[in-house]
Amino acid sequence: MKVLDIPMSGKRGNRVCQRNRYCQYSYPAFIPYNRRTPAQCAVRGAFGAVSARWRTLTEAQRRVWIAVASTKKTKPRLLQCGRLTGFLLFMKDNVPRVNRGLPQVDLPLEFLRALEAEAAGRPDVGSFDQPPIGPALFLRAKQLLEDWRDHPQEFMAGQPP
């Protein structure tokens, strides 16, 4: 049923609200049938294995995942998008790897590429949509934020010096 209302998403009471490219709509909530085919069980098992693997990571590894995830945004939903969490990025990177039969990674691939590039003394060009990730970038960003907190007027656009 087509709905003229504020944008909503998800279950509310016994109704489910969704939005597609044409309009927002709602329908009565229902419980889908769980077929439990071998393929579904394998995918769900891989998802559970990756989730359990997150709990075995060290705190330093988790911090790297969190730092890299803070540079990535989610897909827009209800005209909004936000930053990924470290756990979500870990799942996003490792679940497809496990489903293809590849081993899981303990550190994000972007971070490993940046470390290799820094060790080789060459700049990491990477992709254009994400800044290069590495220890030098984190230090530069931290220094920039500290400078901005101390002298915000120097960073404002359109202001005379």
Protein backbone atom coordinates (compact mmCIF):
# COMPACT_ATOMS: atom_id res chain seq x y z
CA MET A 1 0.00 0.00 0.00
CA LYS A 2 1.41 3.39 -0.99
CA VAL A 3 1.94 5.66 2.02
CA LEU A 4 2.19 9.45 2.18
CA ASP A 5 4.05 9.94 5.45
CA ILE A 6 7.44 10.80 6.85
CA PRO A 7 10.22 8.45 5.67
CA MET A 8 10.19 5.27 7.77
CA SER A 9 12.01 2.00 7.55
CA GLY A 10 11.71 -1.25 9.45
CA LYS A 11 9.08 -2.96 11.56
CA ARG A 12 6.65 -0.94 13.63
CA GLY A 13 4.07 -2.95 15.50
CA ASN A 14 2.55 -5.41 13.06
CA ARG A 15 3.49 -3.33 9.96
CA VAL A 16 6.73 -3.20 7.95
CA CYS A 17 7.70 0.05 6.24
CA GLN A 18 10.02 0.18 3.25
CA ARG A 19 10.99 2.60 0.53
CA ASN A 20 11.83 1.96 -3.09
CA ARG A 21 12.77 4.43 -5.81
CA TYR A 22 9.13 5.29 -6.50
CA CYS A 23 7.51 5.68 -3.08
CA GLN A 24 7.31 4.55 0.49
CA TYR A 25 5.03 1.61 1.23
CA SER A 26 4.03 -0.64 4.09
CA TYR A 27 2.63 -4.13 4.44
CA PRO A 28 1.61 -6.48 7.26
CA ALA A 29 4.55 -8.18 8.96
CA PHE A 30 5.01 -11.91 8.40
CA ILE A 31 7.55 -14.58 9.34
CA PRO A 32 9.23 -15.99 6.22
CA TYR A 33 9.59 -19.72 5.81
CA ASN A 34 13.10 -20.98 6.62
CA ARG A 35 13.96 -23.68 4.06
CA ARG A 36 17.29 -24.73 5.64
CA THR A 37 18.84 -25.93 2.38
CA PRO A 38 22.48 -27.08 2.50
CA ALA A 39 23.59 -23.94 0.65
CA GLN A 40 21.77 -21.67 3.13
CA CYS A 41 23.22 -23.57 6.07
CA ALA A 42 26.73 -23.24 4.60
CA VAL A 43 26.38 -19.47 4.14
CA ARG A 44 24.95 -19.04 7.64
CA GLY A 45 27.74 -21.19 9.07
CA ALA A 46 30.36 -19.04 7.31
CA PHE A 47 28.72 -15.91 8.70
CA GLY A 48 28.82 -17.37 12.21
CA ALA A 49 32.46 -18.43 11.81
CA VAL A 50 33.52 -14.93 10.74
CA SER A 51 31.58 -13.40 13.62
CA ALA A 52 33.28 -15.77 16.07
CA ARG A 53 36.66 -14.90 14.55
CA TRP A 54 36.13 -11.20 15.42
CA ARG A 55 36.07 -12.16 19.10
CA THR A 56 39.53 -13.79 18.76
CA LEU A 57 41.24 -10.65 17.40
CA THR A 58 43.60 -8.69 19.63
CA GLU A 59 42.70 -5.18 20.74
CA ALA A 60 45.35 -3.70 18.43
CA GLN A 61 43.86 -5.52 15.42
CA ARG A 62 40.38 -4.32 16.34
CA ARG A 63 41.63 -0.74 16.57
CA VAL A 64 43.05 -0.97 13.06
CA TRP A 65 39.69 -2.26 11.75
CA ILE A 66 37.89 0.57 13.55
CA ALA A 67 40.28 3.21 12.19
CA VAL A 68 39.97 1.96 8.60
CA ALA A 69 36.18 1.61 8.92
CA SER A 70 35.89 5.24 10.02
CA THR A 71 37.03 6.25 6.51
CA LYS A 72 34.23 4.30 4.80
CA LYS A 73 30.54 5.13 4.54
CA THR A 74 27.53 2.86 4.42
CA LYS A 75 25.17 2.73 1.48
CA PRO A 76 22.49 5.44 1.72
CA ARG A 77 19.25 4.37 3.40
CA LEU A 78 16.35 6.78 3.84
CA LEU A 79 18.57 9.46 2.27
CA GLN A 80 21.15 9.01 5.05
CA CYS A 81 24.50 7.28 5.30
CA GLY A 82 27.00 6.93 8.12
CA ARG A 83 30.38 5.50 9.01
CA LEU A 84 30.96 1.77 9.24
CA THR A 85 32.01 0.20 12.51
CA GLY A 86 35.11 -1.98 12.73
CA PHE A 87 33.01 -5.12 13.18
CA LEU A 88 30.86 -4.36 10.13
CA LEU A 89 33.91 -3.75 7.93
CA PHE A 90 35.46 -6.99 9.22
CA MET A 91 32.28 -8.88 8.29
CA LYS A 92 31.99 -7.09 4.94
CA ASP A 93 35.54 -8.06 3.96
CA ASN A 94 35.70 -11.60 5.38
CA VAL A 95 32.26 -13.14 4.73
CA PRO A 96 32.64 -13.02 0.92
CA ARG A 97 36.17 -14.42 1.25
CA VAL A 98 34.93 -17.39 3.29
CA ASN A 99 32.04 -17.98 0.87
CA ARG A 100 34.57 -18.17 -2.00
CA GLY A 101 36.82 -20.54 -0.03
CA LEU A 102 39.57 -17.98 0.68
CA PRO A 103 41.19 -17.53 4.10
CA GLN A 104 40.06 -14.74 6.41
CA VAL A 105 42.26 -11.68 6.93
CA ASP A 106 43.19 -10.30 10.35
CA LEU A 107 43.90 -6.77 9.09
CA PRO A 108 42.13 -4.75 6.38
CA LEU A 109 43.70 -5.08 2.94
CA GLU A 110 43.91 -1.27 2.59
CA PHE A 111 46.01 -1.08 5.75
CA LEU A 112 48.34 -3.86 4.59
CA ARG A 113 48.83 -2.18 1.19
CA ALA A 114 49.61 1.15 2.88
CA LEU A 115 52.15 -0.49 5.19
CA GLU A 116 53.86 -2.20 2.24
CA ALA A 117 53.95 1.05 0.26
CA GLU A 118 55.35 2.96 3.22
CA ALA A 119 58.03 0.30 3.79
CA ALA A 120 59.01 0.44 0.11
CA GLY A 121 59.24 4.25 0.23
CA ARG A 122 56.65 4.83 -2.46
CA PRO A 123 53.32 6.63 -2.08
CA ASP A 124 50.20 4.52 -1.97
CA VAL A 125 48.01 5.67 -4.85
CA GLY A 126 45.17 3.24 -4.05
CA SER A 127 41.68 3.98 -5.32
CA PHE A 128 40.37 7.48 -5.81
CA ASP A 129 37.31 7.14 -3.61
CA GLN A 130 39.19 6.39 -0.37
CA PRO A 131 42.23 8.13 1.11
CA PRO A 132 45.32 5.95 1.56
CA ILE A 133 45.33 4.29 4.95
CA GLY A 134 48.47 4.02 7.04
CA PRO A 135 50.22 5.19 10.16
CA ALA A 136 51.48 8.37 8.48
CA LEU A 137 47.94 9.36 7.47
CA PHE A 138 46.64 8.88 11.00
CA LEU A 139 49.43 11.02 12.43
CA ARG A 140 48.84 13.78 9.85
CA ALA A 141 45.09 13.76 10.51
CA LYS A 142 45.62 13.92 14.27
CA GLN A 143 48.01 16.88 13.88
CA LEU A 144 45.52 18.66 11.60
CA LEU A 145 42.71 18.22 14.13
CA GLU A 146 44.88 19.49 16.97
CA ASP A 147 45.90 22.54 14.90
CA TRP A 148 42.26 23.22 14.07
CA ARG A 149 41.25 23.08 17.74
CA ASP A 150 44.02 25.55 18.64
CA HIS A 151 43.50 27.99 15.72
CA PRO A 152 40.07 27.43 14.07
CA GLN A 153 40.09 30.86 12.38
CA GLU A 154 43.03 29.81 10.18
CA PHE A 155 41.01 26.92 8.73
CA MET A 156 37.83 28.80 7.87
CA ALA A 157 37.17 29.31 4.15
CA GLY A 158 36.52 32.81 2.91
CA GLN A 159 37.97 34.48 5.97
CA PRO A 160 40.72 37.07 5.54
CA PRO A 161 44.06 36.01 7.11
